[in-house]
Amino acid sequence: MEDLYPSRVYDKPKIIKRKDPVLFSDPEKLNEGPLNQQQLHFYEKNGFLLLDHFFSLDEVNEIKKELDRVWDENKHNHSQEVIREPNSDEIRSIFDVHRKNELFHRLSQDPRITDRIEQILGSKIYVHQFRINYKPGFKGKEFYWHSDFETWHVEDGMPRMRAISCSILLTDNHSYNGPLMLIPGSHRYFVSCVGKTPKDHFKASLKKQEFGVPDNESLSWMTEQFGITTATAPAGSLLLFECNIMHGSNGNITPLPRSNVFFVYNSVENTLVQPFSGQSPRPDFLANRRVQTHAMQS
């Protein structure tokens, strides 16, 4: 398969114009979905869409309660799915919970979410990746700038930009407690990064990513072109963001924790091939190769 987005193969970084659409449905089907024309236009232009108060307070409390229970259950779990902060035993993320937990499984199949994803991607979908993130007060670490697609393409073999990340905010995301930062419009360009991927890179990158991150010059250019925005919203809000948008977050030194549930949905017409790095695929909990659409699972 032709590599339309080569990365980690050149001596110098490159900025490549996007070769895929952002909205994949034809106009007639776009009009049939739950997102209105204004929302679709905003998503196509900016690469993300923030829907305030998407879930009720009761739903948020139920999800938070289950998240806390899962977190507590995994305090002494040192399997690969439980990622801890660099230089500490604090949990950073827990992956693949939806396969083992009924509430999170139901949440991943919620038609209020999946209908919107299918409207944008123009096909049936499946969960490519699931995780819960917890950025505790005082000690939550940063996530450096990156495009998710760059990693999924190089290390997992995702061929095209036909996937969407979905974040359910379980705590109020303020400007000061480490909210997600995005460069709106950056999804229209792909930053080809420098540096050959080390073997089993994921073991280090999930704690702190050093390969597949953009260079300062490319980041500066994108910021000059598009600026930076923060996804600040109340608990219960839903953030959809395009797989190639440049994003990251600062550390949290406030007393206020920031937690979220995070899904990645991929089109069934964009299933994974061999990683474009030429290496072995990453584990299934990071990149699902057992494709089942949400319709088949429900």
Protein backbone atom coordinates (compact mmCIF):
# COMPACT_ATOMS: atom_id res chain seq x y z
CA MET A 1 0.00 0.00 0.00
CA GLU A 2 1.26 3.46 -0.92
CA ASP A 3 2.31 5.54 2.07
CA LEU A 4 0.52 8.85 1.57
CA TYR A 5 1.84 10.27 4.85
CA PRO A 6 5.49 9.20 5.25
CA SER A 7 6.99 10.08 8.63
CA ARG A 8 10.17 9.30 10.56
CA VAL A 9 11.89 8.53 7.26
CA TYR A 10 13.42 11.90 6.26
CA ASP A 11 16.42 13.74 7.68
CA LYS A 12 14.39 16.91 8.03
CA PRO A 13 10.74 17.45 9.01
CA LYS A 14 8.20 18.20 6.29
CA ILE A 15 4.71 19.64 6.26
CA ILE A 16 2.46 17.67 3.89
CA LYS A 17 -0.95 18.89 2.80
CA ARG A 18 -3.82 16.60 3.81
CA LYS A 19 -4.93 14.19 1.06
CA ASP A 20 -8.19 13.05 2.69
CA PRO A 21 -11.52 14.80 3.18
CA VAL A 22 -12.63 15.77 6.68
CA LEU A 23 -16.33 15.00 6.10
CA PHE A 24 -16.66 11.65 4.34
CA SER A 25 -20.44 11.33 4.00
CA ASP A 26 -22.08 12.50 0.80
CA PRO A 27 -24.20 15.67 1.19
CA GLU A 28 -27.50 13.80 1.42
CA LYS A 29 -26.36 11.55 4.27
CA LEU A 30 -24.68 14.47 6.04
CA ASN A 31 -28.07 16.17 6.25
CA GLU A 32 -29.66 13.07 7.78
CA GLY A 33 -27.44 12.90 10.89
CA PRO A 34 -27.81 14.52 14.33
CA LEU A 35 -25.15 17.19 13.72
CA ASN A 36 -26.49 20.32 12.04
CA GLN A 37 -24.86 22.18 9.16
CA GLN A 38 -23.30 24.80 11.42
CA GLN A 39 -21.67 22.12 13.59
CA LEU A 40 -20.42 20.19 10.56
CA HIS A 41 -18.94 23.33 9.02
CA PHE A 42 -17.19 24.19 12.28
CA TYR A 43 -15.75 20.67 12.55
CA GLU A 44 -14.58 20.64 8.93
CA LYS A 45 -12.88 24.03 9.31
CA ASN A 46 -11.38 23.65 12.80
CA GLY A 47 -10.93 19.89 13.24
CA PHE A 48 -12.89 19.62 16.48
CA LEU A 49 -16.34 20.16 17.96
CA LEU A 50 -17.14 20.78 21.64
CA LEU A 51 -20.70 19.97 22.73
CA ASP A 52 -21.44 21.43 26.17
CA HIS A 53 -23.61 19.53 28.70
CA PHE A 54 -23.93 16.53 26.37
CA PHE A 55 -24.45 14.14 29.30
CA SER A 56 -26.68 14.80 32.30
CA LEU A 57 -25.28 15.35 35.79
CA ASP A 58 -26.65 11.96 36.87
CA GLU A 59 -24.86 10.25 33.97
CA VAL A 60 -21.61 12.05 34.77
CA ASN A 61 -21.80 11.00 38.42
CA GLU A 62 -22.43 7.38 37.42
CA ILE A 63 -19.46 7.37 35.04
CA LYS A 64 -17.20 9.10 37.59
CA LYS A 65 -18.15 6.58 40.26
CA GLU A 66 -17.27 3.71 37.94
CA LEU A 67 -14.04 5.41 36.86
CA ASP A 68 -12.97 5.80 40.48
CA ARG A 69 -13.77 2.15 41.13
CA VAL A 70 -11.73 1.00 38.12
CA TRP A 71 -8.89 3.29 39.18
CA ASP A 72 -8.89 1.84 42.68
CA GLU A 73 -9.00 -1.73 41.33
CA ASN A 74 -5.89 -1.10 39.26
CA LYS A 75 -3.68 0.54 41.87
CA HIS A 76 -1.51 -2.57 42.07
CA ASN A 77 -2.05 -3.78 38.53
CA HIS A 78 1.21 -3.65 36.58
CA SER A 79 -0.08 -5.06 33.30
CA GLN A 80 0.69 -3.27 30.03
CA GLU A 81 -2.78 -1.71 29.92
CA VAL A 82 -2.11 0.37 33.05
CA ILE A 83 0.22 3.27 32.27
CA ARG A 84 1.99 5.08 35.10
CA GLU A 85 3.56 8.51 35.21
CA PRO A 86 7.29 8.86 34.47
CA ASN A 87 9.35 8.48 37.66
CA SER A 88 6.37 7.64 39.86
CA ASP A 89 3.78 4.95 40.55
CA GLU A 90 0.84 7.27 39.84
CA ILE A 91 -1.56 5.94 37.20
CA ARG A 92 -1.65 8.07 34.04
CA SER A 93 -4.05 6.07 31.85
CA ILE A 94 -5.87 2.74 31.77
CA PHE A 95 -6.54 1.21 28.35
CA ASP A 96 -9.09 -1.23 27.00
CA VAL A 97 -11.51 -0.95 29.93
CA HIS A 98 -14.56 -1.13 27.65
CA ARG A 99 -13.84 -4.80 26.93
CA LYS A 100 -14.00 -5.72 30.61
CA ASN A 101 -16.49 -3.25 32.07
CA GLU A 102 -20.21 -3.21 31.26
CA LEU A 103 -20.78 0.51 31.81
CA PHE A 104 -17.87 1.59 29.63
CA HIS A 105 -18.83 -0.96 27.00
CA ARG A 106 -22.35 0.50 26.84
CA LEU A 107 -20.89 3.98 26.69
CA SER A 108 -18.72 3.05 23.71
CA GLN A 109 -21.87 1.91 21.85
CA ASP A 110 -24.06 4.89 22.83
CA PRO A 111 -25.88 5.98 19.65
CA ARG A 112 -25.80 9.59 20.80
CA ILE A 113 -22.06 9.38 20.16
CA THR A 114 -21.76 6.79 17.41
CA ASP A 115 -24.46 8.33 15.19
CA ARG A 116 -22.48 11.58 15.12
CA ILE A 117 -19.22 9.78 14.35
CA GLU A 118 -20.79 7.79 11.52
CA GLN A 119 -22.32 10.98 10.11
CA ILE A 120 -18.83 12.49 9.78
CA LEU A 121 -16.93 9.36 8.72
CA GLY A 122 -19.59 8.20 6.26
CA SER A 123 -19.47 4.50 7.23
CA LYS A 124 -19.90 2.01 10.02
CA ILE A 125 -17.32 2.38 12.75
CA TYR A 126 -15.52 0.40 15.43
CA VAL A 127 -13.57 1.26 18.57
CA HIS A 128 -9.91 1.53 17.60
CA GLN A 129 -8.77 2.46 21.10
CA PHE A 130 -10.27 3.19 24.52
CA ARG A 131 -8.73 4.65 27.63
CA ILE A 132 -9.52 6.59 30.75
CA ASN A 133 -7.22 9.45 31.69
CA TYR A 134 -6.80 11.00 35.09
CA LYS A 135 -4.79 14.16 35.61
CA PRO A 136 -4.81 14.58 39.40
CA GLY A 137 -4.46 17.88 41.17
CA PHE A 138 -0.94 19.12 41.97
CA LYS A 139 0.89 16.32 40.10
CA GLY A 140 -0.82 15.61 36.76
CA LYS A 141 1.82 15.59 34.03
CA GLU A 142 1.69 17.21 30.60
CA PHE A 143 1.02 15.56 27.23
CA TYR A 144 3.31 17.10 24.61
CA TRP A 145 2.06 18.36 21.24
CA HIS A 146 1.30 15.57 18.77
CA SER A 147 -0.99 14.34 16.02
CA ASP A 148 -2.55 11.01 17.00
CA PHE A 149 -2.71 9.97 13.36
CA GLU A 150 1.07 10.22 12.98
CA THR A 151 1.54 7.49 15.58
CA TRP A 152 -1.43 5.41 14.45
CA HIS A 153 -0.17 5.55 10.86
CA VAL A 154 3.51 4.85 11.52
CA GLU A 155 3.23 2.40 14.43
CA ASP A 156 -0.20 0.81 13.87
CA GLY A 157 -0.73 0.94 10.10
CA MET A 158 -3.82 3.18 9.95
CA PRO A 159 -3.84 4.04 6.23
CA ARG A 160 -5.94 7.23 6.01
CA MET A 161 -7.21 10.11 8.13
CA ARG A 162 -10.65 8.61 8.71
CA ALA A 163 -10.84 8.34 12.49
CA ILE A 164 -12.21 10.53 15.29
CA SER A 165 -11.27 10.86 18.93
CA CYS A 166 -14.06 11.37 21.42
CA SER A 167 -13.47 12.71 24.94
CA ILE A 168 -16.15 12.76 27.64
CA LEU A 169 -15.28 15.40 30.22
CA LEU A 170 -15.98 14.08 33.72
CA THR A 171 -14.68 17.14 35.55
CA ASP A 172 -14.91 20.83 34.79
CA ASN A 173 -12.10 21.69 32.40
CA HIS A 174 -10.83 25.16 33.26
CA SER A 175 -8.11 27.13 31.51
CA TYR A 176 -5.78 26.42 34.44
CA ASN A 177 -6.11 22.70 35.30
CA GLY A 178 -4.45 21.20 32.24
CA PRO A 179 -7.24 21.18 29.63
CA LEU A 180 -6.66 19.92 26.13
CA MET A 181 -5.10 22.52 23.86
CA LEU A 182 -5.73 22.34 20.11
CA ILE A 183 -4.42 24.13 17.04
CA PRO A 184 -7.63 24.66 15.03
CA GLY A 185 -7.09 24.03 11.32
CA SER A 186 -3.89 22.05 11.84
CA HIS A 187 -5.71 18.86 10.78
CA ARG A 188 -5.34 20.06 7.19
CA TYR A 189 -1.58 19.50 7.33
CA PHE A 190 0.51 16.48 8.29
CA VAL A 191 3.84 17.01 10.03
CA SER A 192 6.32 14.38 8.89
CA CYS A 193 8.54 13.86 11.94
CA VAL A 194 12.22 12.94 12.20
CA GLY A 195 13.81 9.95 13.95
CA LYS A 196 13.59 6.21 13.38
CA THR A 197 11.07 4.49 15.63
CA PRO A 198 12.77 2.43 18.37
CA LYS A 199 11.65 -1.15 18.91
CA ASP A 200 8.72 -1.41 21.37
CA HIS A 201 8.50 2.37 21.36
CA PHE A 202 5.06 2.30 23.00
CA LYS A 203 6.52 1.18 26.32
CA ALA A 204 8.17 4.58 26.71
CA SER A 205 5.92 6.79 24.57
CA LEU A 206 2.79 6.19 26.65
CA LYS A 207 4.61 7.75 29.58
CA LYS A 208 6.43 10.45 27.61
CA GLN A 209 6.50 10.63 23.82
CA GLU A 210 9.81 11.56 22.21
CA PHE A 211 9.47 10.09 18.69
CA GLY A 212 6.64 11.13 16.41
CA VAL A 213 6.41 14.59 17.95
CA PRO A 214 6.51 17.71 15.77
CA ASP A 215 9.55 19.95 15.53
CA ASN A 216 9.53 23.47 16.95
CA GLU A 217 9.56 25.14 13.54
CA SER A 218 6.50 23.23 12.30
CA LEU A 219 4.65 23.94 15.54
CA SER A 220 5.54 27.62 15.32
CA TRP A 221 4.28 27.80 11.72
CA MET A 222 0.98 26.13 12.65
CA THR A 223 0.49 28.41 15.62
CA GLU A 224 1.17 31.49 13.50
CA GLN A 225 -1.34 30.29 10.90
CA PHE A 226 -4.12 29.06 13.19
CA GLY A 227 -3.50 30.03 16.82
CA ILE A 228 -4.19 27.86 19.87
CA THR A 229 -7.49 27.20 21.64
CA THR A 230 -8.34 25.31 24.83
CA ALA A 231 -11.20 22.84 25.27
CA THR A 232 -12.64 24.43 28.41
CA ALA A 233 -16.12 23.20 29.25
CA PRO A 234 -18.19 21.88 32.16
CA ALA A 235 -18.33 18.25 33.22
CA GLY A 236 -20.59 16.21 30.96
CA SER A 237 -19.45 17.91 27.76
CA LEU A 238 -18.35 15.92 24.71
CA LEU A 239 -15.31 16.79 22.62
CA LEU A 240 -14.92 15.32 19.13
CA PHE A 241 -11.58 15.93 17.46
CA GLU A 242 -10.10 14.87 14.15
CA CYS A 243 -7.37 12.23 14.23
CA ASN A 244 -4.75 14.54 12.68
CA ILE A 245 -5.33 17.73 14.67
CA MET A 246 -2.30 18.92 16.63
CA HIS A 247 -3.04 18.88 20.35
CA GLY A 248 -1.48 18.54 23.81
CA SER A 249 -1.98 19.65 27.39
CA ASN A 250 -0.03 21.31 30.19
CA GLY A 251 0.61 19.77 33.59
CA ASN A 252 -1.91 20.33 36.37
CA ILE A 253 -0.48 22.08 39.43
CA THR A 254 -3.90 23.21 40.70
CA PRO A 255 -5.87 21.34 43.39
CA LEU A 256 -8.56 20.57 40.78
CA PRO A 257 -8.29 17.16 39.05
CA ARG A 258 -9.10 16.65 35.38
CA SER A 259 -10.41 13.28 34.24
CA ASN A 260 -11.99 12.05 31.04
CA VAL A 261 -13.10 8.94 29.16
CA PHE A 262 -11.47 8.70 25.77
CA PHE A 263 -12.62 6.70 22.72
CA VAL A 264 -11.14 6.48 19.24
CA TYR A 265 -13.52 5.44 16.49
CA ASN A 266 -12.19 4.31 13.12
CA SER A 267 -14.07 3.65 9.88
CA VAL A 268 -14.52 -0.01 8.91
CA GLU A 269 -13.23 1.14 5.50
CA ASN A 270 -9.96 2.25 7.11
CA THR A 271 -8.88 -0.88 8.97
CA LEU A 272 -5.26 -1.34 9.92
CA VAL A 273 -2.56 -2.72 7.65
CA GLN A 274 1.06 -3.45 8.51
CA PRO A 275 2.68 -0.51 10.35
CA PHE A 276 4.35 1.92 7.96
CA SER A 277 7.42 1.86 10.20
CA GLY A 278 8.06 -1.70 9.01
CA GLN A 279 7.98 -2.93 12.61
CA SER A 280 5.64 -5.34 14.33
CA PRO A 281 2.18 -3.98 15.23
CA ARG A 282 1.64 -2.53 18.68
CA PRO A 283 -0.48 -4.57 21.12
CA ASP A 284 -4.20 -4.90 20.50
CA PHE A 285 -5.13 -2.75 23.52
CA LEU A 286 -3.53 0.21 21.70
CA ALA A 287 -4.67 -0.58 18.18
CA ASN A 288 -7.67 -2.84 17.75
CA ARG A 289 -7.27 -5.34 14.91
CA ARG A 290 -10.30 -7.42 15.95
CA VAL A 291 -12.75 -5.27 14.04
CA GLN A 292 -16.41 -5.39 15.02
CA THR A 293 -18.71 -2.52 14.24
CA HIS A 294 -20.73 -1.05 17.09
CA ALA A 295 -23.88 -2.26 15.27
CA MET A 296 -22.60 -5.85 15.30
CA GLN A 297 -21.73 -5.66 18.99
CA SER A 298 -25.04 -4.18 20.18
